Amino acid sequence: MDTPIKPDGRIAALGNQLIDVHLSLREELARLREDAEAWFDGRAERPRELRAHCLAFCSAVSRHHTGEDDGAFPALGELHPELRPVLEELGRDHHVVAGILRGLEELLGRPGPDTEPVDAQHVRTELDSLAALLESHFVYEEKRLVAALNALPDRAGTAGTLLGREAT
């Protein structure tokens, strides 16, 4: 999807696109949690698809956070030095989220003929922790950065380069 561009070439509502990206990630996490519950409750026999779904979600979150760390946050920090403490805090959140994502990938990557079965409660706990952290992170980020993102000049980049993915 192309980034919406105003007639003067400026990025259109980049902060609003951030909200759209977050909504998409929230929806995907909800689907992942539903898939995990169905598998653990015996309503679905598709561990391979669950692992693939988890890896796709983990990759999407990682791309988004890397985009912010490498794109949006430096651009905002340069233009809005007063936001630097917020950006640093959000960057620390990204590291915590990355650790949880690695743990989930490891947990769901285990099943196989010579490995231990997945501990359903451990996966549920990790997904619950991830959901709580991401929700808090997204809300804080949106409250603190949307207006500043919407005001970024066009030279700052596209949603893909600044946010790690386009809004859907």
Protein backbone atom coordinates (compact mmCIF):
# COMPACT_ATOMS: atom_id res chain seq x y z
CA MET A 1 0.00 0.00 0.00
CA ASP A 2 1.34 3.44 -0.89
CA THR A 3 1.70 6.10 1.74
CA PRO A 4 -1.04 8.72 1.32
CA ILE A 5 0.57 11.92 0.03
CA LYS A 6 -0.96 15.37 0.05
CA PRO A 7 -0.72 17.47 -3.15
CA ASP A 8 2.30 19.36 -1.77
CA GLY A 9 4.20 16.05 -1.33
CA ARG A 10 4.04 16.04 2.48
CA ILE A 11 3.42 12.78 4.30
CA ALA A 12 -0.29 12.70 5.12
CA ALA A 13 -1.16 12.08 8.76
CA LEU A 14 1.82 9.91 9.67
CA GLY A 15 0.68 9.88 13.29
CA ASN A 16 -2.71 8.59 12.20
CA GLN A 17 -0.94 5.91 10.19
CA LEU A 18 0.88 4.92 13.39
CA ILE A 19 -2.50 4.35 15.02
CA ASP A 20 -3.57 2.24 12.02
CA VAL A 21 -0.39 0.14 12.28
CA HIS A 22 -1.04 -0.39 15.98
CA LEU A 23 -4.65 -1.39 15.31
CA SER A 24 -3.46 -3.92 12.77
CA LEU A 25 -0.92 -5.36 15.22
CA ARG A 26 -3.55 -5.51 17.97
CA GLU A 27 -5.89 -7.44 15.67
CA GLU A 28 -3.15 -9.82 14.63
CA LEU A 29 -2.18 -10.46 18.25
CA ALA A 30 -5.83 -11.18 19.11
CA ARG A 31 -5.96 -13.73 16.25
CA LEU A 32 -2.71 -15.31 17.42
CA ARG A 33 -4.06 -15.63 20.95
CA GLU A 34 -7.29 -17.18 19.61
CA ASP A 35 -5.28 -19.66 17.53
CA ALA A 36 -3.16 -20.58 20.53
CA GLU A 37 -6.23 -21.13 22.72
CA ALA A 38 -7.89 -23.27 20.06
CA TRP A 39 -4.78 -25.42 19.78
CA PHE A 40 -4.24 -25.76 23.52
CA ASP A 41 -7.92 -26.52 24.14
CA GLY A 42 -7.84 -29.27 21.52
CA ARG A 43 -10.16 -27.46 19.10
CA ALA A 44 -7.46 -27.27 16.45
CA GLU A 45 -4.67 -29.57 15.39
CA ARG A 46 -2.32 -27.23 13.66
CA PRO A 47 0.83 -26.52 15.65
CA ARG A 48 2.80 -25.82 12.47
CA GLU A 49 0.36 -23.09 11.43
CA LEU A 50 0.40 -21.64 14.95
CA ARG A 51 4.20 -21.44 14.85
CA ALA A 52 4.06 -19.82 11.41
CA HIS A 53 1.44 -17.33 12.63
CA CYS A 54 3.60 -16.51 15.66
CA LEU A 55 6.70 -16.02 13.53
CA ALA A 56 4.81 -13.74 11.12
CA PHE A 57 3.43 -11.66 14.00
CA CYS A 58 6.82 -11.49 15.73
CA SER A 59 8.41 -10.38 12.47
CA ALA A 60 5.78 -7.66 11.92
CA VAL A 61 6.26 -6.24 15.42
CA SER A 62 10.05 -6.38 15.07
CA ARG A 63 9.94 -4.59 11.69
CA HIS A 64 7.68 -1.90 13.14
CA HIS A 65 9.85 -1.29 16.18
CA THR A 66 13.07 -1.32 14.14
CA GLY A 67 11.49 1.20 11.77
CA GLU A 68 10.63 3.45 14.68
CA ASP A 69 14.05 3.07 16.32
CA ASP A 70 15.91 3.75 13.07
CA GLY A 71 13.47 6.17 11.42
CA ALA A 72 10.72 7.93 13.33
CA PHE A 73 12.44 8.27 16.69
CA PRO A 74 15.65 9.91 15.41
CA ALA A 75 13.60 12.26 13.20
CA LEU A 76 11.36 13.22 16.11
CA GLY A 77 14.29 13.57 18.52
CA GLU A 78 16.03 15.94 16.14
CA LEU A 79 13.00 18.18 15.64
CA HIS A 80 11.56 17.81 19.16
CA PRO A 81 14.36 17.46 21.74
CA GLU A 82 11.74 17.59 24.51
CA LEU A 83 10.51 14.18 23.29
CA ARG A 84 13.90 12.47 23.69
CA PRO A 85 13.12 11.01 27.16
CA VAL A 86 9.84 9.61 25.80
CA LEU A 87 11.63 8.16 22.78
CA GLU A 88 14.26 6.56 25.00
CA GLU A 89 11.56 5.00 27.17
CA LEU A 90 9.74 3.67 24.11
CA GLY A 91 13.05 2.27 22.81
CA ARG A 92 13.53 0.41 26.10
CA ASP A 93 10.04 -1.03 25.70
CA HIS A 94 11.07 -2.26 22.25
CA HIS A 95 13.90 -4.25 23.82
CA VAL A 96 11.55 -5.82 26.38
CA VAL A 97 9.05 -6.70 23.65
CA ALA A 98 11.85 -8.22 21.56
CA GLY A 99 12.80 -10.45 24.49
CA ILE A 100 9.22 -11.68 24.88
CA LEU A 101 8.97 -12.29 21.13
CA ARG A 102 12.18 -14.34 21.18
CA GLY A 103 10.82 -16.36 24.08
CA LEU A 104 7.57 -17.04 22.23
CA GLU A 105 9.41 -18.09 19.10
CA GLU A 106 11.50 -20.47 21.18
CA LEU A 107 8.48 -21.88 23.04
CA LEU A 108 6.46 -22.48 19.88
CA GLY A 109 9.46 -23.72 17.93
CA ARG A 110 10.01 -26.65 20.29
CA PRO A 111 7.45 -29.26 19.22
CA GLY A 112 8.94 -32.06 17.24
CA PRO A 113 9.66 -35.76 17.51
CA ASP A 114 12.74 -35.29 19.71
CA THR A 115 11.66 -32.27 21.76
CA GLU A 116 9.45 -31.47 24.70
CA PRO A 117 5.82 -30.56 24.08
CA VAL A 118 4.82 -26.94 24.36
CA ASP A 119 3.82 -25.80 27.84
CA ALA A 120 0.42 -24.26 27.09
CA GLN A 121 0.28 -22.25 30.31
CA HIS A 122 3.74 -20.80 29.68
CA VAL A 123 2.71 -19.71 26.18
CA ARG A 124 -0.53 -18.21 27.53
CA THR A 125 1.44 -16.30 30.15
CA GLU A 126 3.89 -14.98 27.56
CA LEU A 127 1.06 -13.96 25.20
CA ASP A 128 -0.77 -12.24 28.08
CA SER A 129 2.43 -10.39 29.06
CA LEU A 130 3.04 -9.38 25.47
CA ALA A 131 -0.54 -8.18 25.00
CA ALA A 132 -0.44 -6.10 28.19
CA LEU A 133 2.93 -4.56 27.40
CA LEU A 134 2.05 -3.78 23.78
CA GLU A 135 -1.28 -2.22 24.73
CA SER A 136 0.37 0.03 27.30
CA HIS A 137 3.20 0.84 24.89
CA PHE A 138 0.88 1.62 21.97
CA VAL A 139 -1.41 3.87 24.02
CA TYR A 140 1.52 5.79 25.52
CA GLU A 141 3.22 6.14 22.13
CA GLU A 142 0.03 7.35 20.48
CA LYS A 143 -0.67 9.91 23.22
CA ARG A 144 2.85 11.28 23.16
CA LEU A 145 3.85 11.10 19.48
CA VAL A 146 0.87 11.34 17.10
CA ALA A 147 0.80 15.14 16.91
CA ALA A 148 4.58 15.35 16.43
CA LEU A 149 4.51 12.62 13.77
CA ASN A 150 1.72 14.43 11.92
CA ALA A 151 3.90 17.55 11.86
CA LEU A 152 7.03 15.85 10.46
CA PRO A 153 8.17 17.37 7.16
CA ASP A 154 8.04 15.29 4.00
CA ARG A 155 11.82 14.93 3.90
CA ALA A 156 11.61 12.75 7.03
CA GLY A 157 10.41 9.74 5.01
CA THR A 158 7.47 7.47 4.38
CA ALA A 159 5.45 5.35 6.78
CA GLY A 160 7.44 2.36 5.57
CA THR A 161 10.77 3.93 6.46
CA LEU A 162 9.66 5.69 9.65
CA LEU A 163 7.25 3.13 11.09
CA GLY A 164 8.66 -0.06 9.66
CA ARG A 165 5.49 -0.80 7.73
CA GLU A 166 2.71 0.91 5.89
CA ALA A 167 -0.72 1.38 7.43
CA THR A 168 -3.27 -1.13 6.19
